[in-house]
N, C-alpha and C. Protein backbone atom coordinates (compact mmCIF):
# COMPACT_ATOMS: atom_id res chain seq x y z
N MET A 1 0.75 -1.54 -0.11
CA MET A 1 -0.10 -0.36 0.30
C MET A 1 0.81 1.44 -0.09
N PRO A 2 0.85 2.43 -1.12
CA PRO A 2 1.81 3.75 -1.27
C PRO A 2 1.47 4.33 0.65
N HIS A 3 2.84 5.07 0.56
CA HIS A 3 2.72 5.55 1.76
C HIS A 3 1.58 6.51 2.35
N TRP A 4 1.51 7.22 1.43
CA TRP A 4 0.46 8.60 1.46
C TRP A 4 -1.24 7.89 1.63
N LEU A 5 -1.28 6.86 1.39
CA LEU A 5 -2.96 6.20 1.61
C LEU A 5 -2.50 5.43 2.64
N GLN A 6 -1.65 5.04 2.97
CA GLN A 6 -1.59 4.43 4.46
C GLN A 6 -1.84 5.42 5.60
N LEU A 7 -1.33 6.35 4.97
CA LEU A 7 -1.06 7.59 6.38
C LEU A 7 -2.65 8.17 6.37
N MET A 8 -3.64 8.25 5.12
CA MET A 8 -4.64 8.40 5.45
C MET A 8 -5.35 8.18 6.02
N LEU A 9 -5.62 6.56 5.55
CA LEU A 9 -6.29 5.44 6.50
C LEU A 9 -5.80 5.36 7.84
N ASP A 10 -4.43 5.63 8.23
CA ASP A 10 -4.65 5.91 9.85
C ASP A 10 -4.92 6.96 10.45
N SER A 11 -4.99 8.05 9.81
CA SER A 11 -5.76 9.42 10.46
C SER A 11 -7.07 9.86 10.34
N LEU A 12 -7.57 8.81 9.56
CA LEU A 12 -9.13 8.91 9.44
C LEU A 12 -9.94 8.68 10.80
N PRO A 13 -9.63 7.99 11.12
CA PRO A 13 -10.62 7.88 12.32
C PRO A 13 -10.24 8.58 13.73
N THR A 14 -8.90 9.61 13.77
CA THR A 14 -9.11 10.81 14.80
C THR A 14 -9.68 12.16 13.96
N LEU A 15 -9.84 12.05 12.46
CA LEU A 15 -10.41 13.37 11.90
C LEU A 15 -11.74 13.13 11.71
N LEU A 16 -12.25 12.12 11.68
CA LEU A 16 -13.93 11.83 12.17
C LEU A 16 -14.39 11.84 13.19
N TRP A 17 -13.52 11.71 14.41
CA TRP A 17 -13.31 11.39 15.79
C TRP A 17 -14.08 13.07 16.20
N ALA A 18 -12.87 14.04 15.68
CA ALA A 18 -12.73 15.10 15.90
C ALA A 18 -13.84 16.00 15.12
N ALA A 19 -14.34 15.66 14.05
CA ALA A 19 -15.49 15.73 13.36
C ALA A 19 -17.03 15.63 13.82
N LEU A 20 -16.98 14.21 14.62
CA LEU A 20 -18.09 13.88 15.37
C LEU A 20 -18.40 15.29 16.56
N ILE A 21 -17.06 15.00 17.55
CA ILE A 21 -17.65 15.58 18.76
C ILE A 21 -17.16 17.13 19.05
N PHE A 22 -16.89 17.85 18.06
CA PHE A 22 -16.39 19.17 18.21
C PHE A 22 -16.96 19.87 16.36
N THR A 23 -16.84 19.23 15.44
CA THR A 23 -17.46 20.38 14.16
C THR A 23 -18.63 20.40 13.77
N VAL A 24 -19.45 19.19 14.20
CA VAL A 24 -20.70 18.92 13.98
C VAL A 24 -21.73 19.56 15.03
N PRO A 25 -21.01 19.00 16.23
CA PRO A 25 -21.84 20.47 17.49
C PRO A 25 -21.29 21.77 17.09
N LEU A 26 -20.50 21.84 17.08
CA LEU A 26 -20.27 23.54 16.76
C LEU A 26 -21.17 24.13 15.53
N THR A 27 -21.27 23.03 14.78
CA THR A 27 -22.16 23.29 13.48
C THR A 27 -23.49 24.10 13.60
N LEU A 28 -23.73 22.76 14.23
CA LEU A 28 -25.51 22.72 14.25
C LEU A 28 -25.44 23.51 15.79
N LEU A 29 -24.67 24.12 16.85
CA LEU A 29 -25.25 24.86 17.71
C LEU A 29 -24.96 26.13 17.18
N SER A 30 -24.32 26.65 16.49
CA SER A 30 -24.05 28.11 15.91
C SER A 30 -25.36 27.78 15.36
N PHE A 31 -25.50 27.40 14.40
CA PHE A 31 -26.42 27.63 12.99
C PHE A 31 -27.97 27.93 14.09
N ALA A 32 -28.36 27.10 15.11
CA ALA A 32 -29.58 26.91 15.48
C ALA A 32 -29.76 28.57 16.70
N PHE A 33 -28.79 28.89 17.24
CA PHE A 33 -28.90 29.38 17.94
C PHE A 33 -28.59 30.83 17.02
N GLY A 34 -27.98 31.03 15.95
CA GLY A 34 -27.81 32.48 14.88
C GLY A 34 -28.93 32.16 14.24
N LEU A 35 -29.90 31.15 13.95
CA LEU A 35 -30.90 31.35 13.45
C LEU A 35 -31.83 32.17 14.71
N PHE A 36 -31.83 31.57 15.76
CA PHE A 36 -32.80 32.41 16.60
C PHE A 36 -32.34 33.91 16.68
N VAL A 37 -31.30 33.99 16.86
CA VAL A 37 -30.80 35.96 16.90
C VAL A 37 -31.48 36.40 15.83
N GLY A 38 -31.14 35.78 14.54
CA GLY A 38 -31.11 36.22 13.40
C GLY A 38 -32.98 36.75 12.90
N LEU A 39 -33.74 35.80 13.54
CA LEU A 39 -34.76 35.93 13.42
C LEU A 39 -35.32 37.16 14.45
N VAL A 40 -34.61 37.27 15.55
CA VAL A 40 -35.05 38.17 16.58
C VAL A 40 -34.94 40.01 15.93
N VAL A 41 -33.62 39.40 15.53
CA VAL A 41 -33.21 40.58 14.98
C VAL A 41 -33.97 41.57 13.91
N ALA A 42 -34.38 40.39 12.80
CA ALA A 42 -34.83 40.69 11.91
C ALA A 42 -35.99 41.17 12.31
N LEU A 43 -36.89 40.76 13.27
CA LEU A 43 -38.19 41.26 13.39
C LEU A 43 -38.10 42.75 14.01
N VAL A 44 -37.02 42.71 14.82
CA VAL A 44 -36.86 44.14 15.73
C VAL A 44 -36.12 45.47 14.30
N ARG A 45 -35.87 44.84 13.30
CA ARG A 45 -35.14 45.85 12.09
C ARG A 45 -36.93 46.24 11.35
N LEU A 46 -37.92 45.01 11.32
CA LEU A 46 -38.81 45.24 10.55
C LEU A 46 -40.00 46.29 11.32
N PHE A 47 -40.50 45.97 12.77
CA PHE A 47 -41.07 46.17 13.70
C PHE A 47 -40.90 47.07 14.66
N GLY A 48 -39.60 47.02 15.11
CA GLY A 48 -39.11 47.30 16.72
C GLY A 48 -39.23 48.94 16.37
N PRO A 49 -38.93 49.21 17.52
CA PRO A 49 -38.76 50.67 17.97
C PRO A 49 -37.37 51.39 17.15
N LYS A 50 -37.70 52.99 17.30
CA LYS A 50 -36.42 53.25 16.49
C LYS A 50 -35.00 53.04 17.03
N PRO A 51 -34.99 53.44 18.54
CA PRO A 51 -33.58 52.95 19.23
C PRO A 51 -33.26 51.74 19.16
N LEU A 52 -34.10 50.49 19.11
CA LEU A 52 -33.76 49.01 18.81
C LEU A 52 -33.70 48.61 17.68
N VAL A 53 -33.93 49.83 16.61
CA VAL A 53 -33.68 49.66 15.22
C VAL A 53 -32.10 49.47 14.76
N ALA A 54 -31.99 50.74 15.74
CA ALA A 54 -30.43 51.37 15.79
C ALA A 54 -29.26 50.54 16.18
N VAL A 55 -29.60 49.76 17.20
CA VAL A 55 -29.14 49.03 18.33
C VAL A 55 -28.56 47.49 17.16
N VAL A 56 -29.73 47.32 16.69
CA VAL A 56 -29.17 46.19 15.85
C VAL A 56 -28.98 46.22 14.77
N ARG A 57 -29.08 47.40 13.97
CA ARG A 57 -28.66 47.64 12.89
C ARG A 57 -26.62 47.61 12.79
N PHE A 58 -26.16 48.41 14.12
CA PHE A 58 -24.92 48.46 14.52
C PHE A 58 -24.60 46.76 14.52
N TYR A 59 -25.42 46.35 15.20
CA TYR A 59 -24.63 44.99 15.46
C TYR A 59 -24.22 44.25 13.82
N VAL A 60 -25.52 44.29 13.45
CA VAL A 60 -25.78 43.49 11.65
C VAL A 60 -24.11 44.58 11.50
N TRP A 61 -23.67 45.26 11.20
CA TRP A 61 -23.16 46.33 10.92
C TRP A 61 -21.56 45.94 11.09
N ILE A 62 -21.49 45.54 12.71
CA ILE A 62 -20.05 45.46 12.45
C ILE A 62 -20.04 43.87 12.25
N PHE A 63 -21.01 42.83 12.57
CA PHE A 63 -20.47 41.73 12.35
C PHE A 63 -20.49 40.93 10.77
N ARG A 64 -21.06 41.89 9.92
CA ARG A 64 -20.82 41.70 8.30
C ARG A 64 -20.15 42.38 8.12
N GLY A 65 -19.24 43.33 8.63
CA GLY A 65 -18.18 44.09 8.28
C GLY A 65 -16.54 43.83 8.61
N THR A 66 -16.81 43.06 9.15
CA THR A 66 -15.69 42.51 9.96
C THR A 66 -15.32 40.74 9.85
N PRO A 67 -13.79 40.58 9.38
CA PRO A 67 -13.48 39.27 9.27
C PRO A 67 -13.96 37.99 10.76
N LEU A 68 -14.83 36.86 10.21
CA LEU A 68 -15.15 35.95 11.03
C LEU A 68 -13.83 35.81 12.39
N LEU A 69 -12.49 35.98 11.07
CA LEU A 69 -11.55 35.09 12.48
C LEU A 69 -10.84 36.31 13.30
N VAL A 70 -11.01 37.40 13.09
CA VAL A 70 -10.67 38.89 14.18
C VAL A 70 -11.82 38.49 14.73
N GLN A 71 -13.09 38.58 14.21
CA GLN A 71 -14.13 37.99 15.72
C GLN A 71 -13.69 37.41 16.71
N LEU A 72 -13.22 35.58 16.41
CA LEU A 72 -13.02 34.74 17.02
C LEU A 72 -11.41 35.36 17.48
N PHE A 73 -10.85 35.97 17.63
CA PHE A 73 -9.80 36.41 18.15
C PHE A 73 -10.03 37.26 19.36
N LEU A 74 -10.82 38.15 18.89
CA LEU A 74 -11.42 39.22 20.01
C LEU A 74 -12.01 38.57 20.90
N ILE A 75 -12.73 37.48 20.87
CA ILE A 75 -13.65 37.05 22.04
C ILE A 75 -12.78 36.06 22.98
N PHE A 76 -12.18 35.76 22.30
CA PHE A 76 -11.16 34.66 22.55
C PHE A 76 -9.98 35.10 23.63
N TYR A 77 -9.44 36.13 22.74
CA TYR A 77 -8.06 36.00 23.06
C TYR A 77 -8.16 37.85 23.90
N GLY A 78 -9.07 38.56 23.33
CA GLY A 78 -9.10 39.89 23.67
C GLY A 78 -10.29 40.02 24.49
N LEU A 79 -11.21 39.52 25.15
CA LEU A 79 -12.33 39.34 26.20
C LEU A 79 -11.26 39.49 27.70
N PRO A 80 -10.25 38.55 27.74
CA PRO A 80 -9.54 38.29 28.86
C PRO A 80 -8.74 39.62 29.35
N SER A 81 -8.56 40.37 28.29
CA SER A 81 -8.09 41.45 29.23
C SER A 81 -8.73 42.72 29.75
N VAL A 82 -10.60 42.48 29.77
CA VAL A 82 -11.31 42.75 30.69
C VAL A 82 -11.57 42.13 31.27
N GLY A 83 -11.31 41.03 31.72
CA GLY A 83 -11.51 40.14 32.97
C GLY A 83 -12.70 38.96 32.54
N ILE A 84 -13.01 38.79 30.96
CA ILE A 84 -14.10 37.69 30.38
C ILE A 84 -13.18 36.66 29.97
N LEU A 85 -13.13 35.69 30.54
CA LEU A 85 -12.41 34.50 30.21
C LEU A 85 -13.20 33.34 29.79
N LEU A 86 -13.11 33.17 29.03
CA LEU A 86 -13.86 31.87 28.15
C LEU A 86 -12.88 30.37 27.36
N ASP A 87 -13.41 29.56 27.58
CA ASP A 87 -12.83 28.49 27.51
C ASP A 87 -13.04 28.34 25.56
N ALA A 88 -12.31 27.47 24.89
CA ALA A 88 -12.14 27.55 23.35
C ALA A 88 -13.30 27.19 22.81
N PHE A 89 -14.29 26.41 23.27
CA PHE A 89 -15.20 25.95 22.64
C PHE A 89 -16.39 27.04 22.99
N PRO A 90 -17.01 27.53 24.16
CA PRO A 90 -18.05 28.39 24.48
C PRO A 90 -17.53 29.95 23.13
N ALA A 91 -16.33 30.15 23.12
CA ALA A 91 -16.00 31.49 22.59
C ALA A 91 -15.87 31.27 20.76
N ALA A 92 -15.57 30.31 20.35
CA ALA A 92 -16.27 29.92 19.03
C ALA A 92 -17.59 29.63 18.63
N LEU A 93 -18.74 29.04 19.94
CA LEU A 93 -19.95 28.89 19.93
C LEU A 93 -20.73 30.86 19.78
N ILE A 94 -20.16 31.24 20.78
CA ILE A 94 -20.12 32.75 20.92
C ILE A 94 -20.17 33.26 19.66
N GLY A 95 -18.86 33.64 18.89
CA GLY A 95 -18.35 33.92 17.60
C GLY A 95 -19.40 33.93 16.69
N PHE A 96 -19.46 32.02 16.77
CA PHE A 96 -20.36 31.87 15.56
C PHE A 96 -21.71 31.86 15.43
N THR A 97 -22.08 32.08 16.43
CA THR A 97 -23.54 32.61 16.62
C THR A 97 -23.65 33.54 16.19
N LEU A 98 -23.04 34.95 17.06
CA LEU A 98 -23.00 36.26 16.49
C LEU A 98 -23.10 36.77 14.78
N ASN A 99 -21.77 36.15 14.30
CA ASN A 99 -21.78 36.29 13.13
C ASN A 99 -22.90 35.07 12.26
N ILE A 100 -23.60 34.49 12.82
CA ILE A 100 -24.43 33.62 11.78
C ILE A 100 -25.68 34.70 12.09
N GLY A 101 -26.13 34.98 13.09
CA GLY A 101 -26.99 35.93 13.55
C GLY A 101 -27.17 37.09 12.71
N ALA A 102 -26.08 38.02 12.55
CA ALA A 102 -25.93 39.31 11.60
C ALA A 102 -26.18 38.71 10.01
N TYR A 103 -26.08 37.75 9.51
CA TYR A 103 -26.06 37.12 8.29
C TYR A 103 -27.82 36.62 8.22
N THR A 104 -28.07 35.75 8.81
CA THR A 104 -29.39 35.20 8.40
C THR A 104 -30.38 36.70 8.93
N SER A 105 -30.22 37.24 9.98
CA SER A 105 -31.39 38.62 9.89
C SER A 105 -31.47 38.80 8.68
N GLU A 106 -30.49 39.26 7.78
CA GLU A 106 -30.84 39.89 6.49
C GLU A 106 -31.95 39.10 5.56
N ILE A 107 -31.25 38.05 5.73
CA ILE A 107 -31.96 36.69 4.93
C ILE A 107 -33.43 37.05 5.47
N ILE A 108 -33.21 37.03 6.35
CA ILE A 108 -34.93 36.32 6.89
C ILE A 108 -36.04 37.73 6.82
N ARG A 109 -35.37 38.89 7.28
CA ARG A 109 -35.68 40.16 6.56
C ARG A 109 -36.29 40.46 5.42
N ALA A 110 -35.31 39.87 4.43
CA ALA A 110 -35.49 40.26 3.05
C ALA A 110 -36.56 38.71 2.49
N VAL A 111 -36.79 37.75 3.33
CA VAL A 111 -38.35 36.90 3.08
C VAL A 111 -39.24 36.99 3.24
N ILE A 112 -39.11 37.71 4.85
CA ILE A 112 -40.89 38.34 5.27
C ILE A 112 -40.75 39.06 4.81
N GLY A 113 -40.22 40.40 4.32
CA GLY A 113 -40.51 42.03 3.49
C GLY A 113 -41.19 41.47 1.99
N SER A 114 -41.08 40.09 1.29
CA SER A 114 -41.64 39.76 0.31
C SER A 114 -42.63 39.02 0.09
N VAL A 115 -43.01 39.02 1.44
CA VAL A 115 -44.33 38.29 1.71
C VAL A 115 -45.76 39.26 1.27
N PRO A 116 -46.76 39.23 0.28
CA PRO A 116 -47.47 40.42 -0.41
C PRO A 116 -48.29 40.80 1.22
N LYS A 117 -48.28 42.29 1.08
CA LYS A 117 -48.86 43.01 2.14
C LYS A 117 -50.68 42.11 2.06
N GLY A 118 -50.74 42.11 0.90
CA GLY A 118 -52.61 41.44 0.86
C GLY A 118 -52.24 40.00 2.15
N GLN A 119 -50.84 39.08 2.07
CA GLN A 119 -51.54 38.07 3.08
C GLN A 119 -51.49 38.70 4.68
N TRP A 120 -51.19 39.84 5.24
CA TRP A 120 -51.15 40.17 6.28
C TRP A 120 -52.92 40.63 6.21
N GLU A 121 -53.34 41.09 5.30
CA GLU A 121 -54.49 41.66 5.23
C GLU A 121 -55.75 40.78 5.19
N ALA A 122 -55.64 39.66 4.72
CA ALA A 122 -56.04 38.25 4.83
C ALA A 122 -56.04 37.77 6.26
N ALA A 123 -54.97 37.58 6.78
CA ALA A 123 -54.89 37.36 8.17
C ALA A 123 -55.63 38.52 9.30
N TYR A 124 -55.83 39.73 9.05
CA TYR A 124 -56.83 40.44 9.98
C TYR A 124 -57.87 40.32 9.80
N SER A 125 -58.33 39.99 8.77
CA SER A 125 -59.53 39.71 8.11
C SER A 125 -60.32 38.98 8.69
N ILE A 126 -59.37 37.46 9.16
CA ILE A 126 -59.88 36.87 9.95
C ILE A 126 -60.00 36.62 11.26
N GLY A 127 -59.15 37.90 12.14
CA GLY A 127 -59.43 37.72 13.27
C GLY A 127 -58.41 37.60 13.80
N MET A 128 -57.01 37.36 13.09
CA MET A 128 -55.93 36.96 13.65
C MET A 128 -55.01 38.06 14.40
N THR A 129 -54.27 37.98 15.28
CA THR A 129 -53.79 39.09 16.05
C THR A 129 -52.39 38.97 15.15
N TRP A 130 -51.27 40.05 15.64
CA TRP A 130 -50.22 40.51 14.52
C TRP A 130 -49.10 39.13 14.88
N SER A 131 -49.28 38.28 15.53
CA SER A 131 -48.25 37.32 16.21
C SER A 131 -49.02 36.16 15.89
N GLN A 132 -49.97 35.54 15.68
CA GLN A 132 -50.85 34.88 14.72
C GLN A 132 -50.82 34.99 13.63
N ALA A 133 -51.01 35.80 12.87
CA ALA A 133 -50.37 36.29 11.38
C ALA A 133 -49.30 36.27 11.35
N MET A 134 -48.15 36.72 11.65
CA MET A 134 -47.02 35.89 11.51
C MET A 134 -46.47 34.22 12.02
N ARG A 135 -47.16 34.10 13.25
CA ARG A 135 -46.32 32.43 12.53
C ARG A 135 -47.41 31.84 12.22
N ARG A 136 -48.87 32.24 11.77
CA ARG A 136 -49.53 30.86 10.99
C ARG A 136 -49.17 31.20 9.22
N THR A 137 -48.94 32.55 9.07
CA THR A 137 -49.67 33.33 7.15
C THR A 137 -47.81 33.58 6.95
N ILE A 138 -47.85 34.36 7.43
CA ILE A 138 -45.78 35.10 7.17
C ILE A 138 -45.05 34.43 7.19
N LEU A 139 -44.68 34.01 8.14
CA LEU A 139 -43.12 32.53 8.73
C LEU A 139 -43.69 31.35 7.67
N PRO A 140 -44.51 30.54 7.34
CA PRO A 140 -44.65 29.43 6.83
C PRO A 140 -44.69 30.36 5.02
N GLN A 141 -45.07 31.19 4.92
CA GLN A 141 -44.65 31.31 3.47
C GLN A 141 -42.88 31.86 3.22
N ALA A 142 -42.92 32.97 4.10
CA ALA A 142 -41.64 33.26 3.74
C ALA A 142 -40.35 32.17 3.91
N GLY A 143 -40.38 31.10 5.28
CA GLY A 143 -39.69 30.06 5.35
C GLY A 143 -39.52 29.23 4.19
N ARG A 144 -40.14 28.70 2.73
CA ARG A 144 -39.96 28.01 1.43
C ARG A 144 -38.74 29.39 1.05
N VAL A 145 -39.01 30.58 0.95
CA VAL A 145 -38.51 31.28 -0.05
C VAL A 145 -37.01 31.22 1.12
N ALA A 146 -37.21 30.99 2.32
CA ALA A 146 -35.59 31.15 2.76
C ALA A 146 -34.84 29.92 2.93
N VAL A 147 -35.55 29.11 2.17
CA VAL A 147 -34.35 27.49 2.29
C VAL A 147 -33.30 27.41 1.79
N PRO A 148 -33.47 27.94 0.41
CA PRO A 148 -31.80 27.84 -0.22
C PRO A 148 -30.85 29.04 0.60
N PRO A 149 -31.16 30.04 0.68
CA PRO A 149 -30.11 31.13 1.46
C PRO A 149 -29.58 30.82 2.51
N LEU A 150 -30.56 30.18 3.13
CA LEU A 150 -29.94 29.45 5.07
C LEU A 150 -29.48 28.33 4.78
N SER A 151 -29.79 27.64 3.92
CA SER A 151 -28.99 26.51 3.43
C SER A 151 -27.23 26.50 3.05
N ASN A 152 -27.33 27.72 2.21
CA ASN A 152 -26.23 28.00 1.53
C ASN A 152 -25.48 28.11 3.31
N THR A 153 -25.77 29.18 3.49
CA THR A 153 -24.87 29.46 4.89
C THR A 153 -25.03 28.41 5.97
N PHE A 154 -25.98 27.75 6.22
CA PHE A 154 -25.29 26.47 6.90
C PHE A 154 -23.96 25.53 6.06
N ILE A 155 -24.19 25.49 5.09
CA ILE A 155 -23.15 24.72 4.04
C ILE A 155 -21.63 25.31 4.55
N SER A 156 -21.95 26.95 4.34
CA SER A 156 -20.71 27.63 4.57
C SER A 156 -20.36 27.32 6.02
N LEU A 157 -21.26 27.64 6.92
CA LEU A 157 -20.52 27.25 8.21
C LEU A 157 -20.08 26.45 8.90
N VAL A 158 -20.59 24.82 8.04
CA VAL A 158 -19.82 23.92 8.43
C VAL A 158 -17.94 24.22 7.95
N LYS A 159 -17.94 24.53 6.69
CA LYS A 159 -16.49 25.29 6.43
C LYS A 159 -15.48 26.04 7.11
N ASP A 160 -16.33 26.97 7.23
CA ASP A 160 -15.95 28.19 8.51
C ASP A 160 -15.75 27.60 9.69
N THR A 161 -16.28 26.74 10.27
CA THR A 161 -15.85 25.78 11.75
C THR A 161 -14.25 25.95 11.88
N SER A 162 -13.45 25.56 10.70
CA SER A 162 -12.45 24.93 10.62
C SER A 162 -11.46 26.21 11.27
N LEU A 163 -11.99 27.51 11.13
CA LEU A 163 -11.55 28.90 11.69
C LEU A 163 -11.41 28.51 12.69
N ALA A 164 -11.82 27.65 13.82
CA ALA A 164 -11.89 27.62 15.07
C ALA A 164 -10.82 27.13 15.86
N ALA A 165 -9.74 26.37 14.59
CA ALA A 165 -8.58 25.72 15.11
C ALA A 165 -7.89 27.05 15.48
N ALA A 166 -7.52 28.35 15.09
CA ALA A 166 -6.92 28.76 15.41
C ALA A 166 -7.22 29.63 16.61
N ILE A 167 -8.23 29.22 17.36
CA ILE A 167 -8.35 29.44 18.93
C ILE A 167 -8.53 28.26 20.06
N THR A 168 -7.66 27.39 19.06
CA THR A 168 -7.60 25.87 20.04
C THR A 168 -8.31 25.01 20.18
N VAL A 169 -9.44 25.42 19.38
CA VAL A 169 -10.95 24.10 19.34
C VAL A 169 -10.10 23.10 18.93
N PRO A 170 -10.31 22.06 19.25
CA PRO A 170 -9.55 20.59 18.77
C PRO A 170 -10.67 20.04 17.88
N GLU A 171 -11.38 20.80 16.85
CA GLU A 171 -12.32 20.23 15.85
C GLU A 171 -11.20 19.41 14.93
N MET A 172 -11.74 19.51 13.56
CA MET A 172 -11.47 18.33 12.62
C MET A 172 -9.99 19.15 11.78
N PHE A 173 -10.21 19.91 11.56
CA PHE A 173 -8.95 20.85 10.79
C PHE A 173 -7.49 20.76 12.12
N GLN A 174 -7.80 21.23 13.23
CA GLN A 174 -6.70 21.25 14.12
C GLN A 174 -6.16 19.90 14.58
N ALA A 175 -7.48 18.95 14.56
CA ALA A 175 -6.61 17.33 14.04
C ALA A 175 -5.76 17.13 13.18
N ALA A 176 -6.09 17.39 11.86
CA ALA A 176 -5.13 17.08 11.21
C ALA A 176 -3.61 18.18 11.34
N GLN A 177 -3.80 19.35 11.58
CA GLN A 177 -2.53 20.06 12.03
C GLN A 177 -1.89 19.05 13.00
N ARG A 178 -2.36 18.91 14.28
CA ARG A 178 -1.69 17.87 15.11
C ARG A 178 -1.02 16.75 14.54
N ILE A 179 -1.62 16.23 13.33
CA ILE A 179 -0.89 14.93 12.90
C ILE A 179 0.41 15.47 11.87
N VAL A 180 0.03 16.41 11.50
CA VAL A 180 0.99 16.77 10.67
C VAL A 180 2.50 17.09 11.45
N ALA A 181 1.78 17.95 12.74
CA ALA A 181 3.11 18.25 13.62
C ALA A 181 4.31 16.64 14.08
N THR A 182 3.54 16.00 14.03
CA THR A 182 4.47 14.17 13.89
C THR A 182 4.67 13.87 13.04
N THR A 183 3.69 13.93 11.81
CA THR A 183 4.33 13.16 10.59
C THR A 183 5.18 14.09 9.60
N TYR A 184 4.67 15.33 9.55
CA TYR A 184 5.56 16.58 9.02
C TYR A 184 5.09 15.89 7.16
N GLU A 185 3.90 15.88 7.04
CA GLU A 185 3.17 16.03 6.00
C GLU A 185 1.96 16.29 5.57
N PRO A 186 2.62 17.90 5.30
CA PRO A 186 1.43 18.10 5.59
C PRO A 186 0.24 18.31 4.12
N LEU A 187 0.54 17.69 3.32
CA LEU A 187 0.02 18.00 2.00
C LEU A 187 -0.98 16.72 2.17
N ILE A 188 -0.51 15.63 2.34
CA ILE A 188 -1.62 14.69 2.17
C ILE A 188 -2.71 15.38 3.49
N LEU A 189 -1.99 15.28 4.43
CA LEU A 189 -2.98 15.45 6.05
C LEU A 189 -4.04 16.48 5.12
N TYR A 190 -3.39 17.72 4.72
CA TYR A 190 -4.41 18.96 4.50
C TYR A 190 -5.43 18.47 3.34
N VAL A 191 -4.90 17.42 2.47
CA VAL A 191 -5.78 16.86 1.53
C VAL A 191 -6.92 16.03 1.62
N GLU A 192 -6.85 15.13 2.71
CA GLU A 192 -6.94 14.79 3.42
C GLU A 192 -8.62 15.39 3.74
N ALA A 193 -8.33 16.27 4.87
CA ALA A 193 -9.03 17.08 5.89
C ALA A 193 -10.30 17.70 4.83
N ALA A 194 -9.49 18.70 3.75
CA ALA A 194 -10.08 18.98 2.35
C ALA A 194 -10.95 18.24 1.71
N ILE A 195 -11.08 16.43 1.81
CA ILE A 195 -11.85 15.81 1.31
C ILE A 195 -12.68 15.27 1.53
N LEU A 196 -12.23 15.71 3.28
CA LEU A 196 -13.58 15.45 4.26
C LEU A 196 -14.66 16.56 4.39
N TYR A 197 -14.07 17.94 3.86
CA TYR A 197 -15.13 18.67 4.44
C TYR A 197 -15.78 18.79 3.11
N LEU A 198 -15.31 18.22 2.09
CA LEU A 198 -15.66 18.41 0.60
C LEU A 198 -16.76 17.17 0.40
N VAL A 199 -16.58 16.46 1.34
CA VAL A 199 -17.90 15.07 1.26
C VAL A 199 -18.69 15.76 2.28
N MET A 200 -18.76 16.56 3.28
CA MET A 200 -19.68 16.75 4.16
C MET A 200 -21.29 18.15 3.41
N SER A 201 -19.98 18.45 3.00
CA SER A 201 -20.72 19.98 1.85
C SER A 201 -21.32 19.55 0.70
N SER A 202 -20.85 18.43 0.25
CA SER A 202 -21.65 17.16 -0.92
C SER A 202 -23.01 17.08 -0.27
N VAL A 203 -22.39 16.19 0.86
CA VAL A 203 -23.62 15.70 1.40
C VAL A 203 -24.78 16.74 1.36
N LEU A 204 -24.51 17.63 2.09
CA LEU A 204 -26.01 18.98 2.69
C LEU A 204 -26.09 19.67 1.13
N SER A 205 -25.10 19.84 0.47
CA SER A 205 -26.09 20.09 -0.59
C SER A 205 -27.12 18.94 -1.42
N ALA A 206 -26.74 18.07 -1.41
CA ALA A 206 -28.06 16.97 -2.28
C ALA A 206 -29.16 17.12 -1.23
N LEU A 207 -29.01 17.20 0.20
CA LEU A 207 -30.02 17.25 1.36
C LEU A 207 -30.60 18.45 0.59
N GLN A 208 -30.06 19.70 0.55
CA GLN A 208 -30.64 20.77 0.07
C GLN A 208 -31.55 20.77 -1.26
N THR A 209 -31.09 20.15 -1.97
CA THR A 209 -31.90 20.07 -3.27
C THR A 209 -32.55 19.30 -3.05
N ARG A 210 -32.65 18.10 -2.50
CA ARG A 210 -34.19 17.17 -1.95
C ARG A 210 -34.50 18.18 -1.20
N LEU A 211 -34.60 18.68 -0.11
CA LEU A 211 -35.63 19.66 0.20
C LEU A 211 -36.33 20.80 -0.41
N GLU A 212 -35.57 21.03 -1.70
CA GLU A 212 -36.66 22.42 -2.34
C GLU A 212 -37.16 21.44 -3.30
N VAL A 213 -36.55 20.26 -3.88
CA VAL A 213 -38.03 19.70 -4.71
C VAL A 213 -39.14 19.26 -3.96
N ARG A 214 -38.80 19.22 -2.56
CA ARG A 214 -39.98 18.55 -1.94
C ARG A 214 -40.97 19.43 -1.54
N LEU A 215 -40.29 20.57 -1.26
CA LEU A 215 -41.26 21.96 -0.99
C LEU A 215 -41.98 22.41 -2.14
N ASN A 216 -41.40 22.47 -3.48
CA ASN A 216 -42.04 22.73 -4.82
C ASN A 216 -43.07 21.70 -5.11
N ARG A 217 -42.68 20.48 -4.81
CA ARG A 217 -44.03 19.51 -5.12
C ARG A 217 -44.70 19.46 -4.39
N TYR A 218 -44.36 19.91 -3.34
CA TYR A 218 -46.33 20.17 -2.23
C TYR A 218 -47.04 21.75 -2.34
N GLY A 219 -46.32 22.64 -3.29
CA GLY A 219 -46.97 23.57 -3.15
C GLY A 219 -46.41 24.63 -2.53
N GLY A 220 -45.33 24.03 -1.18
CA GLY A 220 -44.92 25.19 -0.62
C GLY A 220 -44.49 24.48 0.86
N PHE A 221 -43.74 25.78 1.67
CA PHE A 221 -43.25 25.27 2.96
C PHE A 221 -44.68 25.19 3.89
N LEU A 222 -45.77 25.46 3.79
CA LEU A 222 -46.94 25.31 4.76
C LEU A 222 -47.27 23.48 4.44
N GLU A 223 -47.65 23.59 3.27
CA GLU A 223 -48.08 22.07 2.40
C GLU A 223 -46.84 21.03 2.80
N ALA A 224 -45.84 21.29 3.00
CA ALA A 224 -44.84 20.45 3.31
C ALA A 224 -44.48 19.99 4.72
N ARG A 225 -45.22 20.43 5.67
CA ARG A 225 -45.30 20.70 6.85
C ARG A 225 -46.13 19.26 7.28
N SER A 226 -47.54 19.45 6.47
CA SER A 226 -48.27 18.37 6.66
C SER A 226 -47.76 17.21 6.05
């Protein structure tokens, strides 16, 4: 067996274990929390009072306008200067959540704004309150439109978790770096890590396509839920 292939096989369990224990949880938790933050920020942008709108706009401006790696460094290495100490994983989770929240807020704001005004009027005409109209009429329609951009954001997040290696989170890419430090085979190990990220992204892209087909087949997000 070629040396490069043997090295890949030997390192594969370590990389997969790091992905299972750190990369996958970091991705899922960051996206879930970020989606919640994004929804709250989008609703404030659309319906909140002006002072609060200014606050969330500033938040979005900061996190969309600065590199994710810099944000992670500020949280993990910068906050201890003011007495806030965070372990690597929570620091990465906070950084990714705030970053994803800023980007998803713009997606959610756009798709909510794309729902025709007549849908609001129809909901109010049958006695729904604002919250009922939002929950039962507006969000289901907006959700179908939001699936492609939110799916793309999720897939990008899977790859972006490799940046957590810079703040010592032992996820898959840092596991590859540690193996490189002992084997002195950076090309082989980094290619293997790239292949694993590519596989994960390809699987998620295929699932995204199937989800979009299902939503279109049943006429939209609301019907697909039932």
